[in-house]
Amino acid sequence: MQSLFPVLHAVPVSGVTIKSSLPEAIEHNSTVVLTCAATGSDLKFAWLMGTTAIVADGKRITLKQEALSSSLTITGVLRTDLPAPVTCTATNSLESKKSAPFSLIVHYGPDEVSITPPNPPKFLRSKSNFSLSCASISSPPATFSWYHGQKMMEVAGPVLTLEVIEKYKLGLAVEEYTCSATNAKTQRVGSSPAVSFAVMEAVSGAKVSGPMSILIAGNSSANLSCAAAAGSVQSTSWKKGGAAVSAGSRLVFSADMSSLLISPLMKEDNGVFTCMLTNPINTDSASYTMLVNYGPEAAMVSGESAVEVETKVVLTCSAASVPPANFTWKFNGTKTDVKAAVYQIEAARYKNTGTYTCEAHNAVTGMTSSHTHILSVKEEGELEEGLSDGAIAGIVIAVLVALGAAIGLIMYCRQKVP
């Protein structure tokens, strides 16, 4: 007996595909509708991102199912909504089939635009390898433009080198530089915070110029001038022997400290003067050795005043002088053949008794200084019988000490007697 009702047969699942309403989406601006379609009977659809089910939130993300399709609508799409490929599964009582993975392209950015380094030095060394780098998160990658103040520079790319800045003769003063990032798809533009700096040439080729003539203490003066071959000098300072040079009655600086006048020169001015030229980039220095001729100052003769016959005698003459003095000796007013600082007698004779005059002469200053020393030659043993000056002084001191002790004892005893 045949049934009065027709028999319905289930239709297998086939042709599961995903189509998008937009080929590319713009973050925040686009509304995207993904449609999953299939053939078959009694179909049920499910959306997956990887292995995670996509669930409607009732706000931006909604799901709608029809007999042969399902639609996933995302309003104000974000880059984080579908970061991985999605698939759609169509299922009925017979089977379940999955679509090919679908990736949604979302264009976004540029996000915050930044320059590295964000705080460069106020002054940059000319011709150094310094550069600025601009960055921003963007899809597709942003194109970058650079601005000097409000004026766009003829530079393309994320890097602005110091070489380019100097090529356009920029950086002569502290000025601002900014970077802008443009996304051709989103049509959005972002700008970085400004960075500011100036470009300065390092000081180099420092040189001190000074007198070339012979300098004599008390008569000569010296003018020292300091300059650099290259670079902008912002401050100048001077040292002598490691200590700072200060202005005084004899030492006068120019207003910019680039020159130092010393008048008159004194022997204390001998030594190395160092000039230091400084700007915010570096310090360069140069030195000048000052040679001031002076003296001879007061000559002095050291040696015995009295010796016994046959005793060796050594008299030494000294006198501060630059250049070192030349020495000559006179005996009892008559010149001798000795032309050195030391006058030596190997074995004294009675005839060596007399006056010995040392003369110190400076060939540069033309000055001479002298000192006379009296030498007495005694008989053998004569000096031993007498007491030396040191012995006499010792006896005097001992007597005074004993006398003081005696007086103290007497005073003590008087205080004790009633």
Foldseek 3Di string as FASTA:
>chain_A
DDDPDDDDDWFDKDDWEKDKPDQAAEAQADKIKIKTFIDIFPKDKWKDQPNHTDDAPVPQWDWDDDGGMIMIIGHRDDCPPRVGWMKMWIDDPPGIDIYDTDDHHYWYDQDAKEKPPNEDDQEAAPPDFDKIFIDGDTVVFWWKWKDWANHTDPDTDGMDTSVVCVVVPHQQHWTWMKMKTADPVNRDIHIYDIYIHHYWHFFAAKDKDKDPDAAAAPPAKMKIFIDTPDTDFDAKFKDWPRHGDDDDPQWDADPRRRMIIGPPDHQVPFGKMKMWTDDPPDIDMDIDGDDYWYDQDAKDKDWDQEEEFQAKTKIFIDGDTVVFWWKWKDWQNHTDPDTDRIDIDRTDDQVSFGKMKMWTADPVVRDIHMDIGGHGYHHPPPVVPDDDPVVVVVVVVVVVVVVVVVVVVVVVVVVVDD
